Amino acid sequence: MASKKELFKKKAQELTTIHNIPKPTALGAFNDIERVKSSIEILPELQAFIRPLTDEQFGQLEQNILAHGCQDALILWETSAYDLGRGESELSVYVLIDGHNRYKICKKNSIDFKIMLKTFESIEAVKEYMIDLQIGRRNLTLEEESYYRGLKYNAQKGKRGVALQLAQEGRGEEVVNIAENLAEQFNVTSRTIKNDGKFASGLNKLSSELRQEVLQGKSKISKKEIQALADADFEENSIKSLGEIINEANTNENLSPKTEKLLLEIKKMAEKVRSKKACEQLIAKLNELKDML
């Protein structure tokens, strides 16, 4: 009898199936397609890779779907509760990985849609697939292009350590230079790819709102300042503005003389940030202040 891993691998090699949603059947007589459709899940971790639409773009998409129906299939990741870390259950789970805006519009207006089921070996493979989808979109801003290239570089760089270990043990193929490989793919330099990686890492430390402002070219925060955040001691999605920690400190009435002196120094530095080095120095001071508060 084939193992679970062998069965999963065989399933992953099957051709993707596009399901046309049939006309609604009698209540209580849902077929398999309707069952899948009614159990679609959205994971915030994956939704973060989807390029959000402006209100105008969303409104235009809604008008198009109302007029012509949902022409493109929603893509679902067919996985299991076990593989998502939800216990021992092997029950199927269907996660939306492309078509979030279309899904929202169709649900709101009770419009039929098609679904496409895909299987992947891991959630990391799903993320890479989603990144490739976003890179393929038209009309990306320069910031978005850099961000998605950086995400791809960081994802592949994370696998390189494993590949190197296998190569050293004689159990793997020759390890490629990821930056050079991607540089050739996107027709940029390898240095650009590495800077994109820092940009993506730094950008992910901003709140989702601020991150979207940067990606849409509406933020005053420079690309170099964001790249410098890549090595800063902040959690992802935690920075609402570079002045957030300073503002937090201003509300504290019990600051020590040493902390007050550092706060004043940071305020003066923040007013004169004009280079990457100055930004790195400011971040170091902010980290120091963070530890004091």
C-alpha atoms as a PDB file:
ATOM      1  CA  MET A   1       0.000   0.000   0.000  1.00  0.00           C
ATOM      2  CA  ALA A   2       1.340   3.417  -1.014  1.00  0.00           C
ATOM      3  CA  SER A   3       2.400   5.739   1.783  1.00  0.00           C
ATOM      4  CA  LYS A   4       0.735   9.068   2.409  1.00  0.00           C
ATOM      5  CA  LYS A   5       3.767  10.865   0.980  1.00  0.00           C
ATOM      6  CA  GLU A   6       3.659   8.782  -2.219  1.00  0.00           C
ATOM      7  CA  LEU A   7      -0.063   9.364  -2.644  1.00  0.00           C
ATOM      8  CA  PHE A   8       0.363  13.088  -2.091  1.00  0.00           C
ATOM      9  CA  LYS A   9       3.212  13.246  -4.613  1.00  0.00           C
ATOM     10  CA  LYS A  10       1.099  11.435  -7.196  1.00  0.00           C
ATOM     11  CA  LYS A  11      -1.768  13.803  -6.570  1.00  0.00           C
ATOM     12  CA  ALA A  12       0.502  16.838  -6.902  1.00  0.00           C
ATOM     13  CA  GLN A  13       1.528  15.636 -10.364  1.00  0.00           C
ATOM     14  CA  GLU A  14      -2.011  15.425 -11.672  1.00  0.00           C
ATOM     15  CA  LEU A  15      -3.199  18.023 -14.107  1.00  0.00           C
ATOM     16  CA  THR A  16      -4.966  20.994 -12.579  1.00  0.00           C
ATOM     17  CA  THR A  17      -8.719  20.607 -12.889  1.00  0.00           C
ATOM     18  CA  ILE A  18     -10.975  23.549 -13.624  1.00  0.00           C
ATOM     19  CA  HIS A  19     -14.457  23.074 -12.229  1.00  0.00           C
ATOM     20  CA  ASN A  20     -17.382  24.917 -13.744  1.00  0.00           C
ATOM     21  CA  ILE A  21     -19.874  25.677 -11.026  1.00  0.00           C
ATOM     22  CA  PRO A  22     -23.223  24.072 -11.950  1.00  0.00           C
ATOM     23  CA  LYS A  23     -26.603  25.663 -11.475  1.00  0.00           C
ATOM     24  CA  PRO A  24     -27.798  25.576  -7.857  1.00  0.00           C
ATOM     25  CA  THR A  25     -29.433  22.304  -6.890  1.00  0.00           C
ATOM     26  CA  ALA A  26     -32.174  21.681  -4.358  1.00  0.00           C
ATOM     27  CA  LEU A  27     -31.395  22.704  -0.793  1.00  0.00           C
ATOM     28  CA  GLY A  28     -29.470  19.964   0.995  1.00  0.00           C
ATOM     29  CA  ALA A  29     -28.339  18.284  -2.229  1.00  0.00           C
ATOM     30  CA  PHE A  30     -24.961  20.000  -2.622  1.00  0.00           C
ATOM     31  CA  ASN A  31     -22.518  18.220  -4.940  1.00  0.00           C
ATOM     32  CA  ASP A  32     -18.759  18.112  -4.429  1.00  0.00           C
ATOM     33  CA  ILE A  33     -18.120  21.387  -6.229  1.00  0.00           C
ATOM     34  CA  GLU A  34     -20.646  23.251  -4.109  1.00  0.00           C
ATOM     35  CA  ARG A  35     -19.120  21.693  -1.001  1.00  0.00           C
ATOM     36  CA  VAL A  36     -15.676  22.985  -1.949  1.00  0.00           C
ATOM     37  CA  LYS A  37     -17.062  26.380  -2.864  1.00  0.00           C
ATOM     38  CA  SER A  38     -18.837  26.731   0.471  1.00  0.00           C
ATOM     39  CA  SER A  39     -15.732  25.813   2.481  1.00  0.00           C
ATOM     40  CA  ILE A  40     -13.160  28.178   0.943  1.00  0.00           C
ATOM     41  CA  GLU A  41     -10.774  29.604   3.544  1.00  0.00           C
ATOM     42  CA  ILE A  42      -8.648  32.754   3.483  1.00  0.00           C
ATOM     43  CA  LEU A  43      -5.351  32.700   5.388  1.00  0.00           C
ATOM     44  CA  PRO A  44      -4.093  36.196   6.348  1.00  0.00           C
ATOM     45  CA  GLU A  45      -0.530  34.885   6.022  1.00  0.00           C
ATOM     46  CA  LEU A  46      -1.151  34.243   2.317  1.00  0.00           C
ATOM     47  CA  GLN A  47      -3.518  37.122   1.662  1.00  0.00           C
ATOM     48  CA  ALA A  48      -0.635  39.452   2.508  1.00  0.00           C
ATOM     49  CA  PHE A  49       0.938  38.505  -0.841  1.00  0.00           C
ATOM     50  CA  ILE A  50      -2.078  39.766  -2.786  1.00  0.00           C
ATOM     51  CA  ARG A  51      -1.809  43.199  -4.313  1.00  0.00           C
ATOM     52  CA  PRO A  52      -4.669  45.267  -2.841  1.00  0.00           C
ATOM     53  CA  LEU A  53      -6.822  47.339  -5.172  1.00  0.00           C
ATOM     54  CA  THR A  54      -7.648  50.996  -4.767  1.00  0.00           C
ATOM     55  CA  ASP A  55     -11.318  51.848  -4.210  1.00  0.00           C
ATOM     56  CA  GLU A  56     -11.528  52.928  -7.843  1.00  0.00           C
ATOM     57  CA  GLN A  57      -9.948  49.709  -9.122  1.00  0.00           C
ATOM     58  CA  PHE A  58     -12.178  47.560  -6.913  1.00  0.00           C
ATOM     59  CA  GLY A  59     -15.273  49.433  -8.100  1.00  0.00           C
ATOM     60  CA  GLN A  60     -14.305  48.947 -11.736  1.00  0.00           C
ATOM     61  CA  LEU A  61     -13.705  45.219 -11.180  1.00  0.00           C
ATOM     62  CA  GLU A  62     -17.094  44.903  -9.493  1.00  0.00           C
ATOM     63  CA  GLN A  63     -18.842  46.614 -12.395  1.00  0.00           C
ATOM     64  CA  ASN A  64     -17.104  44.299 -14.872  1.00  0.00           C
ATOM     65  CA  ILE A  65     -18.137  41.184 -12.938  1.00  0.00           C
ATOM     66  CA  LEU A  66     -21.710  42.416 -12.556  1.00  0.00           C
ATOM     67  CA  ALA A  67     -21.886  43.028 -16.300  1.00  0.00           C
ATOM     68  CA  HIS A  68     -20.017  39.972 -17.616  1.00  0.00           C
ATOM     69  CA  GLY A  69     -19.762  37.497 -14.745  1.00  0.00           C
ATOM     70  CA  CYS A  70     -16.558  36.193 -13.140  1.00  0.00           C
ATOM     71  CA  GLN A  71     -14.514  35.113 -16.151  1.00  0.00           C
ATOM     72  CA  ASP A  72     -11.356  33.841 -14.418  1.00  0.00           C
ATOM     73  CA  ALA A  73     -11.284  30.886 -12.064  1.00  0.00           C
ATOM     74  CA  LEU A  74     -10.417  31.348  -8.404  1.00  0.00           C
ATOM     75  CA  ILE A  75      -7.316  29.300  -7.541  1.00  0.00           C
ATOM     76  CA  LEU A  76      -7.496  27.162  -4.409  1.00  0.00           C
ATOM     77  CA  TRP A  77      -4.788  25.281  -2.565  1.00  0.00           C
ATOM     78  CA  GLU A  78      -6.122  21.830  -1.742  1.00  0.00           C
ATOM     79  CA  THR A  79      -4.474  20.740   1.487  1.00  0.00           C
ATOM     80  CA  SER A  80      -5.461  19.171   4.814  1.00  0.00           C
ATOM     81  CA  ALA A  81      -6.034  20.283   8.374  1.00  0.00           C
ATOM     82  CA  TYR A  82      -3.037  18.144   9.392  1.00  0.00           C
ATOM     83  CA  ASP A  83      -0.694  19.840   6.924  1.00  0.00           C
ATOM     84  CA  LEU A  84      -1.858  23.242   8.189  1.00  0.00           C
ATOM     85  CA  GLY A  85      -0.897  22.245  11.728  1.00  0.00           C
ATOM     86  CA  ARG A  86      -4.460  21.900  12.969  1.00  0.00           C
ATOM     87  CA  GLY A  87      -4.165  18.519  14.602  1.00  0.00           C
ATOM     88  CA  GLU A  88      -4.300  15.002  13.185  1.00  0.00           C
ATOM     89  CA  SER A  89      -7.329  15.398  10.914  1.00  0.00           C
ATOM     90  CA  GLU A  90      -6.856  14.499   7.242  1.00  0.00           C
ATOM     91  CA  LEU A  91      -9.991  16.360   6.202  1.00  0.00           C
ATOM     92  CA  SER A  92      -9.459  18.487   3.094  1.00  0.00           C
ATOM     93  CA  VAL A  93      -9.067  22.243   3.411  1.00  0.00           C
ATOM     94  CA  TYR A  94      -9.406  24.602   0.448  1.00  0.00           C
ATOM     95  CA  VAL A  95      -7.387  27.810   0.798  1.00  0.00           C
ATOM     96  CA  LEU A  96      -7.851  30.727  -1.581  1.00  0.00           C
ATOM     97  CA  ILE A  97      -4.523  31.737  -3.130  1.00  0.00           C
ATOM     98  CA  ASP A  98      -5.633  33.858  -6.090  1.00  0.00           C
ATOM     99  CA  GLY A  99      -8.840  35.780  -6.716  1.00  0.00           C
ATOM    100  CA  HIS A 100      -9.480  37.366  -3.314  1.00  0.00           C
ATOM    101  CA  ASN A 101     -11.098  40.487  -4.765  1.00  0.00           C
ATOM    102  CA  ARG A 102     -13.196  38.480  -7.228  1.00  0.00           C
ATOM    103  CA  TYR A 103     -14.288  36.140  -4.433  1.00  0.00           C
ATOM    104  CA  LYS A 104     -15.378  39.066  -2.264  1.00  0.00           C
ATOM    105  CA  ILE A 105     -17.406  40.572  -5.106  1.00  0.00           C
ATOM    106  CA  CYS A 106     -19.003  37.259  -6.081  1.00  0.00           C
ATOM    107  CA  LYS A 107     -20.005  36.472  -2.499  1.00  0.00           C
ATOM    108  CA  LYS A 108     -21.426  39.959  -2.024  1.00  0.00           C
ATOM    109  CA  ASN A 109     -23.507  39.806  -5.205  1.00  0.00           C
ATOM    110  CA  SER A 110     -24.304  36.050  -5.265  1.00  0.00           C
ATOM    111  CA  ILE A 111     -22.467  35.539  -8.559  1.00  0.00           C
ATOM    112  CA  ASP A 112     -21.292  32.102  -9.724  1.00  0.00           C
ATOM    113  CA  PHE A 113     -17.588  31.506 -10.264  1.00  0.00           C
ATOM    114  CA  LYS A 114     -15.203  28.766 -11.338  1.00  0.00           C
ATOM    115  CA  ILE A 115     -12.516  27.217  -9.168  1.00  0.00           C
ATOM    116  CA  MET A 116      -9.129  25.725  -9.947  1.00  0.00           C
ATOM    117  CA  LEU A 117      -7.610  23.237  -7.487  1.00  0.00           C
ATOM    118  CA  LYS A 118      -3.847  22.999  -7.049  1.00  0.00           C
ATOM    119  CA  THR A 119      -1.691  20.991  -4.657  1.00  0.00           C
ATOM    120  CA  PHE A 120       1.702  21.988  -3.256  1.00  0.00           C
ATOM    121  CA  GLU A 121       4.318  20.289  -1.109  1.00  0.00           C
ATOM    122  CA  SER A 122       4.337  23.064   1.503  1.00  0.00           C
ATOM    123  CA  ILE A 123       3.035  26.504   2.357  1.00  0.00           C
ATOM    124  CA  GLU A 124       6.409  27.918   1.288  1.00  0.00           C
ATOM    125  CA  ALA A 125       5.809  26.523  -2.197  1.00  0.00           C
ATOM    126  CA  VAL A 126       2.402  28.206  -2.155  1.00  0.00           C
ATOM    127  CA  LYS A 127       4.006  31.527  -1.287  1.00  0.00           C
ATOM    128  CA  GLU A 128       6.477  31.268  -4.148  1.00  0.00           C
ATOM    129  CA  TYR A 129       3.638  30.461  -6.531  1.00  0.00           C
ATOM    130  CA  MET A 130       1.693  33.495  -5.306  1.00  0.00           C
ATOM    131  CA  ILE A 131       4.753  35.731  -5.650  1.00  0.00           C
ATOM    132  CA  ASP A 132       5.165  34.597  -9.264  1.00  0.00           C
ATOM    133  CA  LEU A 133       1.506  35.393  -9.928  1.00  0.00           C
ATOM    134  CA  GLN A 134       1.949  38.913  -8.573  1.00  0.00           C
ATOM    135  CA  ILE A 135       5.139  39.475 -10.570  1.00  0.00           C
ATOM    136  CA  GLY A 136       3.188  38.554 -13.684  1.00  0.00           C
ATOM    137  CA  ARG A 137       0.605  41.282 -13.105  1.00  0.00           C
ATOM    138  CA  ARG A 138       0.587  44.308 -15.350  1.00  0.00           C
ATOM    139  CA  ASN A 139       1.019  47.906 -14.217  1.00  0.00           C
ATOM    140  CA  LEU A 140       3.076  47.155 -11.101  1.00  0.00           C
ATOM    141  CA  THR A 141       4.799  50.143  -9.518  1.00  0.00           C
ATOM    142  CA  LEU A 142       8.596  50.107  -9.322  1.00  0.00           C
ATOM    143  CA  GLU A 143       8.259  49.543  -5.570  1.00  0.00           C
ATOM    144  CA  GLU A 144       6.010  46.522  -6.122  1.00  0.00           C
ATOM    145  CA  GLU A 145       8.397  45.016  -8.672  1.00  0.00           C
ATOM    146  CA  SER A 146      11.281  45.411  -6.221  1.00  0.00           C
ATOM    147  CA  TYR A 147       9.225  43.998  -3.349  1.00  0.00           C
ATOM    148  CA  TYR A 148       8.109  40.849  -5.170  1.00  0.00           C
ATOM    149  CA  ARG A 149      11.586  40.204  -6.584  1.00  0.00           C
ATOM    150  CA  GLY A 150      12.904  40.573  -3.039  1.00  0.00           C
ATOM    151  CA  LEU A 151      10.338  38.166  -1.640  1.00  0.00           C
ATOM    152  CA  LYS A 152      11.320  35.600  -4.255  1.00  0.00           C
ATOM    153  CA  TYR A 153      15.019  36.069  -3.519  1.00  0.00           C
ATOM    154  CA  ASN A 154      14.505  35.733   0.242  1.00  0.00           C
ATOM    155  CA  ALA A 155      12.362  32.612  -0.213  1.00  0.00           C
ATOM    156  CA  GLN A 156      14.962  30.909  -2.404  1.00  0.00           C
ATOM    157  CA  LYS A 157      17.839  32.084  -0.218  1.00  0.00           C
ATOM    158  CA  GLY A 158      16.202  30.329   2.716  1.00  0.00           C
ATOM    159  CA  LYS A 159      16.444  27.033   0.844  1.00  0.00           C
ATOM    160  CA  ARG A 160      20.071  27.552  -0.122  1.00  0.00           C
ATOM    161  CA  GLY A 161      21.426  26.465   3.256  1.00  0.00           C
ATOM    162  CA  VAL A 162      19.731  23.091   2.900  1.00  0.00           C
ATOM    163  CA  ALA A 163      20.951  22.765  -0.674  1.00  0.00           C
ATOM    164  CA  LEU A 164      24.528  23.542   0.362  1.00  0.00           C
ATOM    165  CA  GLN A 165      24.393  20.918   3.102  1.00  0.00           C
ATOM    166  CA  LEU A 166      23.108  18.271   0.684  1.00  0.00           C
ATOM    167  CA  ALA A 167      25.739  19.208  -1.881  1.00  0.00           C
ATOM    168  CA  GLN A 168      28.491  18.865   0.712  1.00  0.00           C
ATOM    169  CA  GLU A 169      27.167  15.413   1.547  1.00  0.00           C
ATOM    170  CA  GLY A 170      27.071  14.474  -2.115  1.00  0.00           C
ATOM    171  CA  ARG A 171      23.297  14.083  -2.042  1.00  0.00           C
ATOM    172  CA  GLY A 172      22.256  17.165  -3.958  1.00  0.00           C
ATOM    173  CA  GLU A 173      22.693  18.951  -7.247  1.00  0.00           C
ATOM    174  CA  GLU A 174      25.119  21.795  -7.850  1.00  0.00           C
ATOM    175  CA  VAL A 175      24.058  24.876  -5.893  1.00  0.00           C
ATOM    176  CA  VAL A 176      23.262  27.846  -8.111  1.00  0.00           C
ATOM    177  CA  ASN A 177      23.911  31.499  -7.305  1.00  0.00           C
ATOM    178  CA  ILE A 178      20.392  32.672  -6.486  1.00  0.00           C
ATOM    179  CA  ALA A 179      21.040  36.393  -6.970  1.00  0.00           C
ATOM    180  CA  GLU A 180      22.671  35.871 -10.371  1.00  0.00           C
ATOM    181  CA  ASN A 181      19.978  33.442 -11.442  1.00  0.00           C
ATOM    182  CA  LEU A 182      17.171  35.861 -10.586  1.00  0.00           C
ATOM    183  CA  ALA A 183      19.092  38.807 -12.011  1.00  0.00           C
ATOM    184  CA  GLU A 184      19.198  37.060 -15.371  1.00  0.00           C
ATOM    185  CA  GLN A 185      15.508  36.153 -15.104  1.00  0.00           C
ATOM    186  CA  PHE A 186      14.409  39.733 -14.391  1.00  0.00           C
ATOM    187  CA  ASN A 187      17.070  41.478 -16.489  1.00  0.00           C
ATOM    188  CA  VAL A 188      18.608  43.395 -13.584  1.00  0.00           C
ATOM    189  CA  THR A 189      21.928  43.138 -11.715  1.00  0.00           C
ATOM    190  CA  SER A 190      22.599  40.670  -8.905  1.00  0.00           C
ATOM    191  CA  ARG A 191      23.220  43.648  -6.586  1.00  0.00           C
ATOM    192  CA  THR A 192      19.715  44.889  -7.404  1.00  0.00           C
ATOM    193  CA  ILE A 193      18.292  41.504  -6.438  1.00  0.00           C
ATOM    194  CA  LYS A 194      20.134  41.533  -3.107  1.00  0.00           C
ATOM    195  CA  ASN A 195      18.932  45.080  -2.403  1.00  0.00           C
ATOM    196  CA  ASP A 196      15.418  43.943  -3.312  1.00  0.00           C
ATOM    197  CA  GLY A 197      15.758  41.249  -0.655  1.00  0.00           C
ATOM    198  CA  LYS A 198      16.601  43.853   1.989  1.00  0.00           C
ATOM    199  CA  PHE A 199      13.777  46.058   0.749  1.00  0.00           C
ATOM    200  CA  ALA A 200      11.265  43.204   1.110  1.00  0.00           C
ATOM    201  CA  SER A 201      12.532  42.298   4.592  1.00  0.00           C
ATOM    202  CA  GLY A 202      12.403  45.900   5.758  1.00  0.00           C
ATOM    203  CA  LEU A 203       9.013  46.529   4.177  1.00  0.00           C
ATOM    204  CA  ASN A 204       7.490  43.554   5.965  1.00  0.00           C
ATOM    205  CA  LYS A 205       8.317  45.210   9.285  1.00  0.00           C
ATOM    206  CA  LEU A 206       5.970  48.076   8.449  1.00  0.00           C
ATOM    207  CA  SER A 207       2.269  47.901   9.242  1.00  0.00           C
ATOM    208  CA  SER A 208       0.126  46.716   6.332  1.00  0.00           C
ATOM    209  CA  GLU A 209      -1.270  50.249   5.858  1.00  0.00           C
ATOM    210  CA  LEU A 210       2.153  51.889   5.727  1.00  0.00           C
ATOM    211  CA  ARG A 211       3.499  49.081   3.549  1.00  0.00           C
ATOM    212  CA  GLN A 212       0.795  49.679   0.960  1.00  0.00           C
ATOM    213  CA  GLU A 213       1.532  53.407   0.968  1.00  0.00           C
ATOM    214  CA  VAL A 214       5.144  52.620   0.127  1.00  0.00           C
ATOM    215  CA  LEU A 215       4.205  50.090  -2.579  1.00  0.00           C
ATOM    216  CA  GLN A 216       1.873  52.605  -4.194  1.00  0.00           C
ATOM    217  CA  GLY A 217       4.580  55.279  -4.130  1.00  0.00           C
ATOM    218  CA  LYS A 218       2.624  57.449  -1.694  1.00  0.00           C
ATOM    219  CA  SER A 219       5.006  57.365   1.279  1.00  0.00           C
ATOM    220  CA  LYS A 220       7.854  59.756   2.062  1.00  0.00           C
ATOM    221  CA  ILE A 221       9.935  56.932   3.513  1.00  0.00           C
ATOM    222  CA  SER A 222      12.831  56.291   1.139  1.00  0.00           C
ATOM    223  CA  LYS A 223      13.827  52.910  -0.237  1.00  0.00           C
ATOM    224  CA  LYS A 224      17.217  53.138   1.498  1.00  0.00           C
ATOM    225  CA  GLU A 225      15.533  53.759   4.852  1.00  0.00           C
ATOM    226  CA  ILE A 226      13.375  50.677   4.350  1.00  0.00           C
ATOM    227  CA  GLN A 227      16.361  48.549   3.319  1.00  0.00           C
ATOM    228  CA  ALA A 228      18.118  49.604   6.519  1.00  0.00           C
ATOM    229  CA  LEU A 229      15.158  48.236   8.490  1.00  0.00           C
ATOM    230  CA  ALA A 230      15.993  44.719   7.269  1.00  0.00           C
ATOM    231  CA  ASP A 231      18.524  44.269  10.101  1.00  0.00           C
ATOM    232  CA  ALA A 232      16.660  46.340  12.693  1.00  0.00           C
ATOM    233  CA  ASP A 233      15.238  44.730  15.815  1.00  0.00           C
ATOM    234  CA  PHE A 234      11.536  45.063  14.983  1.00  0.00           C
ATOM    235  CA  GLU A 235       8.891  42.410  14.504  1.00  0.00           C
ATOM    236  CA  GLU A 236       6.996  42.121  11.226  1.00  0.00           C
ATOM    237  CA  ASN A 237       3.994  44.442  10.777  1.00  0.00           C
ATOM    238  CA  SER A 238       4.984  46.390  13.888  1.00  0.00           C
ATOM    239  CA  ILE A 239       6.117  49.790  12.560  1.00  0.00           C
ATOM    240  CA  LYS A 240       3.407  52.331  11.858  1.00  0.00           C
ATOM    241  CA  SER A 241       5.938  55.118  11.344  1.00  0.00           C
ATOM    242  CA  LEU A 242       9.616  55.698  12.056  1.00  0.00           C
ATOM    243  CA  GLY A 243       8.558  58.199  14.683  1.00  0.00           C
ATOM    244  CA  GLU A 244       6.271  55.739  16.476  1.00  0.00           C
ATOM    245  CA  ILE A 245       8.759  54.835  19.207  1.00  0.00           C
ATOM    246  CA  ILE A 246       9.632  58.484  19.758  1.00  0.00           C
ATOM    247  CA  ASN A 247       5.964  59.386  20.158  1.00  0.00           C
ATOM    248  CA  GLU A 248       5.504  56.529  22.590  1.00  0.00           C
ATOM    249  CA  ALA A 249       8.393  57.825  24.656  1.00  0.00           C
ATOM    250  CA  ASN A 250       6.883  61.333  24.748  1.00  0.00           C
ATOM    251  CA  THR A 251       3.842  59.996  26.626  1.00  0.00           C
ATOM    252  CA  ASN A 252       5.990  58.497  29.364  1.00  0.00           C
ATOM    253  CA  GLU A 253       6.223  60.928  32.278  1.00  0.00           C
ATOM    254  CA  ASN A 254       8.744  58.889  34.262  1.00  0.00           C
ATOM    255  CA  LEU A 255      11.755  58.920  31.980  1.00  0.00           C
ATOM    256  CA  SER A 256      15.206  58.715  33.490  1.00  0.00           C
ATOM    257  CA  PRO A 257      17.698  61.510  32.671  1.00  0.00           C
ATOM    258  CA  LYS A 258      19.630  59.056  30.505  1.00  0.00           C
ATOM    259  CA  THR A 259      16.512  58.139  28.518  1.00  0.00           C
ATOM    260  CA  GLU A 260      15.503  61.783  28.098  1.00  0.00           C
ATOM    261  CA  LYS A 261      18.976  62.586  26.768  1.00  0.00           C
ATOM    262  CA  LEU A 262      18.785  59.710  24.276  1.00  0.00           C
ATOM    263  CA  LEU A 263      15.285  60.781  23.201  1.00  0.00           C
ATOM    264  CA  LEU A 264      16.485  64.301  22.478  1.00  0.00           C
ATOM    265  CA  GLU A 265      19.418  62.948  20.514  1.00  0.00           C
ATOM    266  CA  ILE A 266      17.061  60.784  18.413  1.00  0.00           C
ATOM    267  CA  LYS A 267      14.778  63.741  17.674  1.00  0.00           C
ATOM    268  CA  LYS A 268      17.700  65.745  16.316  1.00  0.00           C
ATOM    269  CA  MET A 269      18.970  62.796  14.265  1.00  0.00           C
ATOM    270  CA  ALA A 270      15.522  62.148  12.761  1.00  0.00           C
ATOM    271  CA  GLU A 271      15.408  65.667  11.371  1.00  0.00           C
ATOM    272  CA  LYS A 272      18.654  65.176   9.451  1.00  0.00           C
ATOM    273  CA  VAL A 273      18.297  61.687   7.945  1.00  0.00           C
ATOM    274  CA  ARG A 274      19.507  62.010   4.358  1.00  0.00           C
ATOM    275  CA  SER A 275      21.624  58.902   3.802  1.00  0.00           C
ATOM    276  CA  LYS A 276      21.600  55.160   4.395  1.00  0.00           C
ATOM    277  CA  LYS A 277      24.344  55.459   7.003  1.00  0.00           C
ATOM    278  CA  ALA A 278      22.405  58.136   8.904  1.00  0.00           C
ATOM    279  CA  CYS A 279      19.305  55.958   8.785  1.00  0.00           C
ATOM    280  CA  GLU A 280      21.220  52.971  10.164  1.00  0.00           C
ATOM    281  CA  GLN A 281      22.545  55.138  13.012  1.00  0.00           C
ATOM    282  CA  LEU A 282      19.021  56.350  13.760  1.00  0.00           C
ATOM    283  CA  ILE A 283      17.691  52.789  13.841  1.00  0.00           C
ATOM    284  CA  ALA A 284      20.449  51.762  16.234  1.00  0.00           C
ATOM    285  CA  LYS A 285      19.453  54.600  18.564  1.00  0.00           C
ATOM    286  CA  LEU A 286      15.784  53.668  18.282  1.00  0.00           C
ATOM    287  CA  ASN A 287      16.600  50.096  19.249  1.00  0.00           C
ATOM    288  CA  GLU A 288      18.554  51.410  22.231  1.00  0.00           C
ATOM    289  CA  LEU A 289      15.575  53.566  23.273  1.00  0.00           C
ATOM    290  CA  LYS A 290      13.196  50.652  22.795  1.00  0.00           C
ATOM    291  CA  ASP A 291      15.190  48.581  25.307  1.00  0.00           C
ATOM    292  CA  MET A 292      15.012  51.411  27.862  1.00  0.00           C
ATOM    293  CA  LEU A 293      11.239  51.887  27.730  1.00  0.00           C
END
